[in-house]
Amino acid sequence: MFDLNLPLAERMRPASLDELIGQEHLVGKDAILRKTINSGVIPSMILWGPPGVGKTTIANIIANQVKAPFYTLSAVSAGVKDVREVIDKAKRQSKAILFIDEIHRFNKSQQDALLGAVEKGTITLIGATTENPSFEVNSALLSRCQVYTLKSLSEDDLLRLVDHILAKDEKLKKKKVVLTEHKALLNISGGDARKLLNLVDLVYDSLAGDEEVIEVTDEKVMNIAQQRVAIYDKSGEQHYDIISAFIKSLRGSDPNAAVYYMARMIEGGEDVKFIARRMLILASEDIGNANPTALVIANNTFQAVNVIGYPEAEIILSQCATYLACSPKSNASYMAIRKAKSLVRETGDLPVPMSIRNAPTKLMKDSGYGKGYKYAHDFSNNFVSMEFMPDKIRDSKLYDPGQNAREEEMRKRLRALWKDKYGY
């Protein structure tokens, strides 16, 4: 019997794939990861997905099923020395599995320490990450691992999980728990099964008195969890409403509304990278050449908050948001690429003018490739009028500078260079 003093999430951690709720695309009947685990031949792998969706649980199930020595390290606290100690132990065993939680937090030297052991099969690495492994895991290590993407648990999955633990947990089944409302439970847990189970445990402890029946309502859950009414739900509709309001406030040049909605996201525990990434996109899409420095600042913000993290990162995020909100706006570059893509789809694979084709061989030069090309730097003002577009779409204007000081200067220069060709 489990120690009832353990957190509920640990007491009720599934011991087999059949007990796991969610991730049907990976562990359902005939799904790829189930087949792999059942074969007993386990490759090194990266489990990528949001918090609390089963990454650690799947790693434990694999270790139980293949009956292998199982080592766990957290990238938050472990270093190269810890990795090497596990590898030394694994060399004296067979089929040792090393599970590294939050592997994206390992730096390059720490990840490199794993390479040889993974390549030789000394250890089977199972890494868990909430970040895109393409960006956060060294390419050399990533190439030696299978990547399995875990999905957020649906509302039905989470409610099934609650029903399951209420019926099976030795502590919770001592009383009858009636879940009359569930929105607060799901919102506060934010789709994280671990948070959900710990919240259920907390609610049970708080409401368990002499009554045989415990009624769970949204109001009771909110009071117990000491949450504000305006919950920021990272996994639901409100997530999209708040980020939409944030972006529209930046685009609408309202720094006050922008920092308000940013604060809503920060208080709700939103990923610092998500906020910075959205500002980086906006800096190009909605400001563009009206203020090119906005893209530089947004990119530096993304890099800085990635290194610093909360809580100090919120100062940098606020500086960037207010700068972007106060910047002049232009979507001319955004519209240019949209028009260009539409033109490509409409006109297909048009031939490149011979004068600007690449001519790396004598045969191609003799065939006219590059003939007539005029090198701009040989001419006054580093410009010479010649045709660069395919003949069928010559004179097509795709970039139309916005109505702001910087792009008006660009328009004047283009008009002076191209005269009436593009209608600038």
Protein backbone atom coordinates (compact mmCIF):
# COMPACT_ATOMS: atom_id res chain seq x y z
CA MET A 1 0.00 0.00 0.00
CA PHE A 2 1.23 3.50 -0.83
CA ASP A 3 2.18 5.96 1.87
CA LEU A 4 -0.89 8.18 2.18
CA ASN A 5 1.39 11.07 3.08
CA LEU A 6 2.81 11.08 -0.43
CA PRO A 7 1.35 13.62 -2.87
CA LEU A 8 -1.69 12.24 -4.69
CA ALA A 9 0.09 12.50 -8.04
CA GLU A 10 2.76 10.11 -6.74
CA ARG A 11 0.33 7.76 -5.00
CA MET A 12 -1.71 7.35 -8.17
CA ARG A 13 1.04 7.37 -10.77
CA PRO A 14 0.14 4.73 -13.42
CA ALA A 15 2.28 1.61 -13.38
CA SER A 16 1.32 0.41 -16.88
CA LEU A 17 0.29 1.86 -20.22
CA ASP A 18 -3.23 0.54 -19.73
CA GLU A 19 -3.61 2.79 -16.67
CA LEU A 20 -2.34 5.89 -18.46
CA ILE A 21 -5.02 8.42 -19.40
CA GLY A 22 -4.43 10.42 -22.57
CA GLN A 23 -1.70 10.21 -25.27
CA GLU A 24 -3.70 7.67 -27.27
CA HIS A 25 -1.74 8.63 -30.42
CA LEU A 26 1.40 7.27 -28.74
CA VAL A 27 0.31 4.54 -26.32
CA GLY A 28 -3.14 3.51 -27.53
CA LYS A 29 -3.76 0.15 -29.19
CA ASP A 30 -1.31 -0.35 -32.09
CA ALA A 31 0.24 3.11 -31.44
CA ILE A 32 3.94 3.51 -32.15
CA LEU A 33 5.30 4.01 -28.64
CA ARG A 34 3.25 1.14 -27.21
CA LYS A 35 4.62 -1.18 -29.92
CA THR A 36 8.16 0.00 -29.15
CA ILE A 37 7.78 -0.56 -25.42
CA ASN A 38 6.15 -3.96 -25.90
CA SER A 39 9.03 -5.03 -28.15
CA GLY A 40 11.44 -4.55 -25.25
CA VAL A 41 13.93 -2.79 -27.54
CA ILE A 42 13.86 0.75 -26.23
CA PRO A 43 15.65 3.48 -28.17
CA SER A 44 16.92 6.66 -26.61
CA MET A 45 14.13 9.20 -26.84
CA ILE A 46 12.97 12.71 -26.09
CA LEU A 47 9.45 13.13 -24.71
CA TRP A 48 8.26 16.60 -25.67
CA GLY A 49 5.07 18.11 -24.31
CA PRO A 50 3.44 20.53 -21.86
CA PRO A 51 3.83 20.10 -18.08
CA GLY A 52 1.85 17.35 -16.39
CA VAL A 53 0.85 15.29 -19.43
CA GLY A 54 2.69 12.05 -18.59
CA LYS A 55 6.35 12.37 -19.61
CA THR A 56 7.78 11.17 -16.29
CA THR A 57 5.07 8.54 -15.98
CA ILE A 58 5.87 7.06 -19.39
CA ALA A 59 9.56 6.91 -18.47
CA ASN A 60 8.72 5.02 -15.26
CA ILE A 61 6.43 2.63 -17.13
CA ILE A 62 9.20 1.86 -19.62
CA ALA A 63 11.66 1.12 -16.82
CA ASN A 64 9.14 -1.15 -15.06
CA GLN A 65 8.26 -3.05 -18.21
CA VAL A 66 11.80 -3.73 -19.41
CA LYS A 67 13.01 -4.43 -15.85
CA ALA A 68 16.02 -2.17 -16.27
CA PRO A 69 18.03 -0.20 -13.71
CA PHE A 70 16.47 3.26 -13.70
CA TYR A 71 18.29 6.47 -12.86
CA THR A 72 16.71 9.90 -12.63
CA LEU A 73 18.38 13.29 -12.86
CA SER A 74 16.88 16.75 -12.95
CA ALA A 75 18.60 19.15 -15.31
CA VAL A 76 17.80 21.93 -12.84
CA SER A 77 20.19 20.59 -10.21
CA ALA A 78 22.41 17.99 -11.92
CA GLY A 79 25.76 18.66 -13.58
CA VAL A 80 28.32 16.85 -15.72
CA LYS A 81 29.69 15.07 -12.61
CA ASP A 82 26.25 13.56 -11.88
CA VAL A 83 25.87 12.42 -15.48
CA ARG A 84 29.27 10.72 -15.46
CA GLU A 85 28.52 8.95 -12.17
CA VAL A 86 25.37 7.43 -13.67
CA ILE A 87 27.26 6.41 -16.81
CA ASP A 88 29.95 4.69 -14.69
CA LYS A 89 27.26 2.74 -12.82
CA ALA A 90 25.53 1.83 -16.09
CA LYS A 91 28.75 0.36 -17.50
CA ARG A 92 28.57 -2.29 -14.79
CA GLN A 93 24.95 -3.14 -15.63
CA SER A 94 22.86 -3.84 -18.70
CA LYS A 95 19.97 -1.91 -20.25
CA ALA A 96 20.31 0.96 -17.79
CA ILE A 97 17.87 3.80 -18.38
CA LEU A 98 18.70 7.39 -17.52
CA PHE A 99 15.73 9.73 -17.27
CA ILE A 100 16.57 13.44 -17.37
CA ASP A 101 13.74 15.80 -16.54
CA GLU A 102 13.82 19.24 -18.20
CA ILE A 103 16.71 18.19 -20.42
CA HIS A 104 16.44 21.50 -22.28
CA ARG A 105 18.06 23.13 -19.22
CA PHE A 106 21.27 21.17 -19.77
CA ASN A 107 23.94 23.30 -21.42
CA LYS A 108 26.06 22.09 -24.35
CA SER A 109 28.84 20.54 -22.24
CA GLN A 110 26.29 18.68 -20.11
CA GLN A 111 24.51 17.34 -23.19
CA ASP A 112 27.84 16.44 -24.80
CA ALA A 113 28.68 14.32 -21.73
CA LEU A 114 25.78 12.05 -22.68
CA LEU A 115 26.74 11.57 -26.32
CA GLY A 116 29.27 8.75 -26.07
CA ALA A 117 27.21 6.67 -23.64
CA VAL A 118 24.07 7.04 -25.76
CA GLU A 119 25.94 6.22 -28.97
CA LYS A 120 27.56 3.08 -27.48
CA GLY A 121 24.32 1.96 -25.85
CA THR A 122 25.76 2.18 -22.33
CA ILE A 123 22.60 4.00 -21.34
CA THR A 124 19.17 4.43 -22.86
CA LEU A 125 18.41 8.11 -22.51
CA ILE A 126 14.88 9.31 -21.91
CA GLY A 127 14.74 13.09 -21.83
CA ALA A 128 11.67 15.11 -20.94
CA THR A 129 11.20 18.66 -22.15
CA THR A 130 8.51 21.28 -22.42
CA GLU A 131 10.52 23.14 -25.07
CA ASN A 132 10.94 22.34 -28.75
CA PRO A 133 13.90 19.92 -28.80
CA SER A 134 14.93 21.18 -32.23
CA PHE A 135 15.97 24.42 -30.55
CA GLU A 136 16.93 23.26 -27.07
CA VAL A 137 18.74 19.92 -27.57
CA ASN A 138 22.10 19.65 -29.33
CA SER A 139 21.69 18.35 -32.87
CA ALA A 140 24.27 15.59 -32.26
CA LEU A 141 22.33 14.26 -29.27
CA LEU A 142 18.96 14.81 -30.92
CA SER A 143 20.02 12.75 -33.96
CA ARG A 144 20.56 9.76 -31.65
CA CYS A 145 17.08 9.99 -30.11
CA GLN A 146 13.53 9.38 -31.22
CA VAL A 147 11.29 12.36 -30.49
CA TYR A 148 7.75 11.67 -29.27
CA THR A 149 5.36 14.60 -28.96
CA LEU A 150 2.84 14.44 -26.13
CA LYS A 151 -0.40 16.39 -26.42
CA SER A 152 -2.20 18.50 -23.85
CA LEU A 153 -4.79 16.48 -21.95
CA SER A 154 -8.34 17.20 -23.03
CA GLU A 155 -11.07 18.21 -20.60
CA ASP A 156 -12.53 14.70 -20.92
CA ASP A 157 -9.12 13.18 -20.09
CA LEU A 158 -8.80 15.33 -16.97
CA LEU A 159 -12.32 14.54 -15.75
CA ARG A 160 -11.71 10.82 -16.33
CA LEU A 161 -8.55 11.18 -14.27
CA VAL A 162 -10.46 12.82 -11.41
CA ASP A 163 -13.14 10.09 -11.48
CA HIS A 164 -10.40 7.45 -11.48
CA ILE A 165 -8.53 8.79 -8.47
CA LEU A 166 -11.73 9.41 -6.48
CA ALA A 167 -12.66 5.78 -7.01
CA LYS A 168 -9.24 4.18 -6.55
CA ASP A 169 -7.14 6.24 -4.14
CA GLU A 170 -7.14 4.69 -0.66
CA LYS A 171 -7.45 8.06 1.02
CA LEU A 172 -10.02 9.76 -1.22
CA LYS A 173 -12.42 6.83 -1.47
CA LYS A 174 -13.01 6.90 2.30
CA LYS A 175 -15.65 9.55 1.66
CA LYS A 176 -18.11 10.15 -1.15
CA VAL A 177 -16.95 13.11 -3.21
CA VAL A 178 -19.55 14.78 -5.44
CA LEU A 179 -18.10 17.01 -8.13
CA THR A 180 -21.01 19.36 -8.85
CA GLU A 181 -18.81 21.85 -10.73
CA HIS A 182 -15.40 21.37 -12.30
CA LYS A 183 -14.47 24.56 -14.18
CA ALA A 184 -12.32 25.99 -11.36
CA LEU A 185 -10.44 22.72 -10.91
CA LEU A 186 -9.59 22.58 -14.61
CA ASN A 187 -8.79 26.27 -14.96
CA ILE A 188 -6.48 26.49 -11.97
CA SER A 189 -4.62 23.32 -12.95
CA GLY A 190 -4.19 24.67 -16.49
CA GLY A 191 -4.26 21.24 -18.14
CA ASP A 192 -1.46 19.96 -15.90
CA ALA A 193 -2.53 16.59 -14.48
CA ARG A 194 -0.04 16.83 -11.62
CA LYS A 195 -1.43 20.21 -10.56
CA LEU A 196 -4.96 18.88 -10.90
CA LEU A 197 -4.34 15.89 -8.64
CA ASN A 198 -2.56 17.97 -6.02
CA LEU A 199 -5.43 20.46 -6.09
CA VAL A 200 -7.98 17.67 -5.64
CA ASP A 201 -5.94 16.41 -2.67
CA LEU A 202 -5.87 19.91 -1.17
CA VAL A 203 -9.61 20.40 -1.67
CA TYR A 204 -10.34 17.00 -0.11
CA ASP A 205 -8.20 17.76 2.95
CA SER A 206 -9.84 21.16 3.36
CA LEU A 207 -13.43 19.90 3.07
CA ALA A 208 -13.13 16.54 4.83
CA GLY A 209 -14.86 16.96 8.15
CA ASP A 210 -17.48 14.83 9.83
CA GLU A 211 -19.68 14.78 6.73
CA GLU A 212 -19.82 11.56 4.76
CA VAL A 213 -20.41 13.43 1.49
CA ILE A 214 -18.05 16.13 0.21
CA GLU A 215 -19.58 18.49 -2.35
CA VAL A 216 -17.04 20.22 -4.58
CA THR A 217 -18.10 23.52 -6.19
CA ASP A 218 -16.18 26.15 -8.14
CA GLU A 219 -16.57 28.63 -5.28
CA LYS A 220 -15.11 26.22 -2.73
CA VAL A 221 -12.21 25.37 -5.01
CA MET A 222 -11.46 29.05 -5.64
CA ASN A 223 -11.50 29.86 -1.94
CA ILE A 224 -9.29 26.93 -1.03
CA ALA A 225 -6.77 27.59 -3.78
CA GLN A 226 -6.74 31.29 -2.89
CA GLN A 227 -6.89 32.24 -6.55
CA ARG A 228 -8.17 35.48 -7.98
CA VAL A 229 -11.40 35.40 -9.95
CA ALA A 230 -9.70 36.49 -13.16
CA ILE A 231 -7.82 33.26 -13.80
CA TYR A 232 -5.54 33.10 -16.81
CA ASP A 233 -6.21 29.69 -18.31
CA LYS A 234 -3.12 28.68 -20.27
CA SER A 235 -4.84 25.73 -21.92
CA GLY A 236 -8.25 27.13 -22.72
CA GLU A 237 -10.13 29.83 -24.58
CA GLN A 238 -9.02 32.64 -22.27
CA HIS A 239 -5.39 31.99 -23.20
CA TYR A 240 -6.18 32.96 -26.78
CA ASP A 241 -8.37 35.90 -25.73
CA ILE A 242 -5.62 37.41 -23.56
CA ILE A 243 -2.79 36.97 -26.07
CA SER A 244 -5.09 38.36 -28.77
CA ALA A 245 -5.85 41.40 -26.61
CA PHE A 246 -2.12 41.84 -25.90
CA ILE A 247 -1.14 41.77 -29.58
CA LYS A 248 -4.01 44.05 -30.62
CA SER A 249 -3.03 46.54 -27.88
CA LEU A 250 0.56 46.63 -29.15
CA ARG A 251 -0.65 47.02 -32.74
CA GLY A 252 -3.07 49.71 -31.60
CA SER A 253 -0.24 51.71 -29.94
CA ASP A 254 -1.69 51.46 -26.40
CA PRO A 255 1.19 50.72 -23.98
CA ASN A 256 -1.17 50.80 -20.98
CA ALA A 257 -3.43 48.03 -22.25
CA ALA A 258 -0.39 46.08 -23.50
CA VAL A 259 1.31 45.91 -20.10
CA TYR A 260 -2.02 45.11 -18.42
CA TYR A 261 -2.59 42.04 -20.57
CA MET A 262 1.07 41.12 -20.21
CA ALA A 263 0.63 41.21 -16.43
CA ARG A 264 -2.37 38.88 -16.77
CA MET A 265 -0.15 36.40 -18.60
CA ILE A 266 2.73 36.74 -16.16
CA GLU A 267 0.45 36.27 -13.13
CA GLY A 268 -1.00 33.20 -14.81
CA GLY A 269 2.44 31.61 -15.24
CA GLU A 270 2.70 31.98 -19.00
CA ASP A 271 5.98 30.82 -20.53
CA VAL A 272 8.33 33.81 -20.77
CA LYS A 273 9.46 32.62 -24.21
CA PHE A 274 5.90 32.58 -25.51
CA ILE A 275 5.38 36.26 -24.66
CA ALA A 276 8.76 37.28 -26.07
CA ARG A 277 8.25 35.21 -29.22
CA ARG A 278 4.93 36.90 -29.96
CA MET A 279 6.50 40.35 -29.57
CA LEU A 280 9.31 39.32 -31.91
CA ILE A 281 6.77 38.41 -34.60
CA LEU A 282 4.82 41.65 -34.08
CA ALA A 283 7.97 43.75 -34.37
CA SER A 284 8.31 42.61 -37.98
CA GLU A 285 4.66 42.08 -38.93
CA ASP A 286 3.19 45.32 -37.52
CA ILE A 287 6.15 47.72 -37.21
CA GLY A 288 8.59 46.56 -39.84
CA ASN A 289 10.52 49.27 -41.67
CA ALA A 290 8.60 52.05 -39.93
CA ASN A 291 11.10 51.41 -37.11
CA PRO A 292 13.60 48.63 -37.92
CA THR A 293 15.13 48.95 -34.44
CA ALA A 294 11.96 47.37 -33.02
CA LEU A 295 12.98 43.99 -34.45
CA VAL A 296 16.45 44.33 -32.90
CA ILE A 297 15.01 45.16 -29.48
CA ALA A 298 12.42 42.36 -29.67
CA ASN A 299 15.09 39.84 -30.65
CA ASN A 300 17.38 40.97 -27.83
CA THR A 301 14.43 40.72 -25.46
CA PHE A 302 13.81 37.13 -26.54
CA GLN A 303 17.46 36.23 -25.93
CA ALA A 304 17.64 38.07 -22.59
CA VAL A 305 14.49 36.67 -20.97
CA ASN A 306 15.49 33.19 -22.10
CA VAL A 307 18.67 33.54 -20.04
CA ILE A 308 17.20 35.37 -17.06
CA GLY A 309 13.72 33.88 -16.54
CA TYR A 310 11.16 35.08 -14.04
CA PRO A 311 10.81 37.24 -12.03
CA GLU A 312 13.42 39.68 -13.42
CA ALA A 313 12.41 38.94 -17.02
CA GLU A 314 9.12 40.78 -16.53
CA ILE A 315 11.02 44.10 -16.44
CA ILE A 316 12.61 43.39 -19.83
CA LEU A 317 9.29 42.21 -21.26
CA SER A 318 7.63 45.41 -20.08
CA GLN A 319 10.34 47.59 -21.61
CA CYS A 320 9.99 45.82 -24.95
CA ALA A 321 6.17 45.92 -24.91
CA THR A 322 6.02 49.65 -24.18
CA TYR A 323 8.63 50.34 -26.87
CA LEU A 324 6.71 48.33 -29.47
CA ALA A 325 3.42 49.92 -28.51
CA CYS A 326 4.89 53.43 -28.87
CA SER A 327 6.60 52.72 -32.21
CA PRO A 328 5.14 53.87 -35.56
CA LYS A 329 3.36 51.02 -37.30
CA SER A 330 3.59 49.48 -40.77
CA ASN A 331 2.54 46.11 -42.16
CA ALA A 332 4.04 46.82 -45.61
CA SER A 333 6.64 44.03 -45.38
CA TYR A 334 3.99 41.58 -44.18
CA MET A 335 1.70 42.51 -47.07
CA ALA A 336 4.61 42.29 -49.53
CA ILE A 337 5.33 38.63 -48.78
CA ARG A 338 1.60 37.81 -48.83
CA LYS A 339 1.26 39.41 -52.28
CA ALA A 340 4.42 37.65 -53.47
CA LYS A 341 3.20 34.23 -52.34
CA SER A 342 -0.17 34.84 -54.00
CA LEU A 343 1.60 35.82 -57.23
CA VAL A 344 3.78 32.69 -57.09
CA ARG A 345 0.72 30.46 -56.65
CA GLU A 346 -1.05 32.27 -59.49
CA THR A 347 1.79 32.32 -62.04
CA GLY A 348 3.73 29.18 -61.15
CA ASP A 349 7.39 28.46 -61.91
CA LEU A 350 8.31 31.38 -64.18
CA PRO A 351 11.77 31.41 -65.80
CA VAL A 352 14.38 33.67 -64.20
CA PRO A 353 15.66 36.31 -66.65
CA MET A 354 18.83 35.07 -68.36
CA SER A 355 20.81 38.14 -67.31
CA ILE A 356 20.56 37.35 -63.58
CA ARG A 357 20.94 33.57 -63.76
CA ASN A 358 23.93 31.87 -62.14
CA ALA A 359 26.62 30.80 -64.60
CA PRO A 360 29.14 28.57 -62.80
CA THR A 361 30.19 26.60 -65.93
CA LYS A 362 31.50 27.56 -69.41
CA LEU A 363 28.59 25.76 -71.04
CA MET A 364 26.08 27.84 -69.12
CA LYS A 365 27.93 31.05 -69.96
CA ASP A 366 27.99 30.06 -73.63
CA SER A 367 24.24 29.40 -73.38
CA GLY A 368 23.63 33.00 -72.33
CA TYR A 369 23.39 32.58 -68.56
CA GLY A 370 24.34 35.90 -66.91
CA LYS A 371 24.69 37.70 -70.26
CA GLY A 372 23.82 41.36 -69.97
CA TYR A 373 24.00 41.52 -66.18
CA LYS A 374 24.94 44.98 -64.96
CA TYR A 375 26.86 45.13 -61.66
CA ALA A 376 25.16 47.87 -59.64
CA HIS A 377 28.37 49.04 -57.97
CA ASP A 378 29.85 49.94 -61.35
CA PHE A 379 27.29 52.71 -61.74
CA SER A 380 26.52 56.05 -60.13
CA ASN A 381 24.67 55.80 -56.81
CA ASN A 382 25.27 52.00 -56.94
CA PHE A 383 22.20 51.61 -59.12
CA VAL A 384 21.41 50.74 -62.73
CA SER A 385 17.97 50.23 -64.20
CA MET A 386 17.49 46.65 -65.40
CA GLU A 387 14.78 44.00 -65.21
CA PHE A 388 14.92 41.49 -62.35
CA MET A 389 11.39 40.08 -62.48
CA PRO A 390 10.36 37.28 -64.83
CA ASP A 391 9.05 38.78 -68.07
CA LYS A 392 5.43 37.70 -67.48
CA ILE A 393 5.15 39.67 -64.22
CA ARG A 394 7.48 42.58 -64.94
CA ASP A 395 6.50 45.86 -63.28
CA SER A 396 4.61 44.03 -60.48
CA LYS A 397 4.77 46.12 -57.30
CA LEU A 398 4.70 43.93 -54.20
CA TYR A 399 6.26 46.22 -51.60
CA ASP A 400 4.30 49.41 -51.04
CA PRO A 401 6.02 51.48 -48.30
CA GLY A 402 3.82 52.48 -45.39
CA GLN A 403 2.74 56.00 -44.53
CA ASN A 404 5.37 56.83 -41.93
CA ALA A 405 8.52 58.93 -41.87
CA ARG A 406 11.04 56.13 -42.51
CA GLU A 407 9.13 54.41 -45.28
CA GLU A 408 8.25 57.72 -46.94
CA GLU A 409 12.00 58.18 -47.33
CA MET A 410 12.19 54.71 -48.86
CA ARG A 411 9.33 55.59 -51.22
CA LYS A 412 11.12 58.78 -52.36
CA ARG A 413 14.32 56.83 -53.01
CA LEU A 414 12.50 54.08 -54.95
CA ARG A 415 10.64 56.73 -57.00
CA ALA A 416 13.93 58.45 -57.82
CA LEU A 417 15.56 55.17 -58.85
CA TRP A 418 12.76 53.46 -60.75
CA LYS A 419 10.88 56.52 -62.05
CA ASP A 420 7.42 55.38 -63.22
CA LYS A 421 8.22 51.64 -63.41
CA TYR A 422 6.58 50.56 -60.14
CA GLY A 423 4.35 53.55 -59.52
CA TYR A 424 6.16 54.79 -56.44
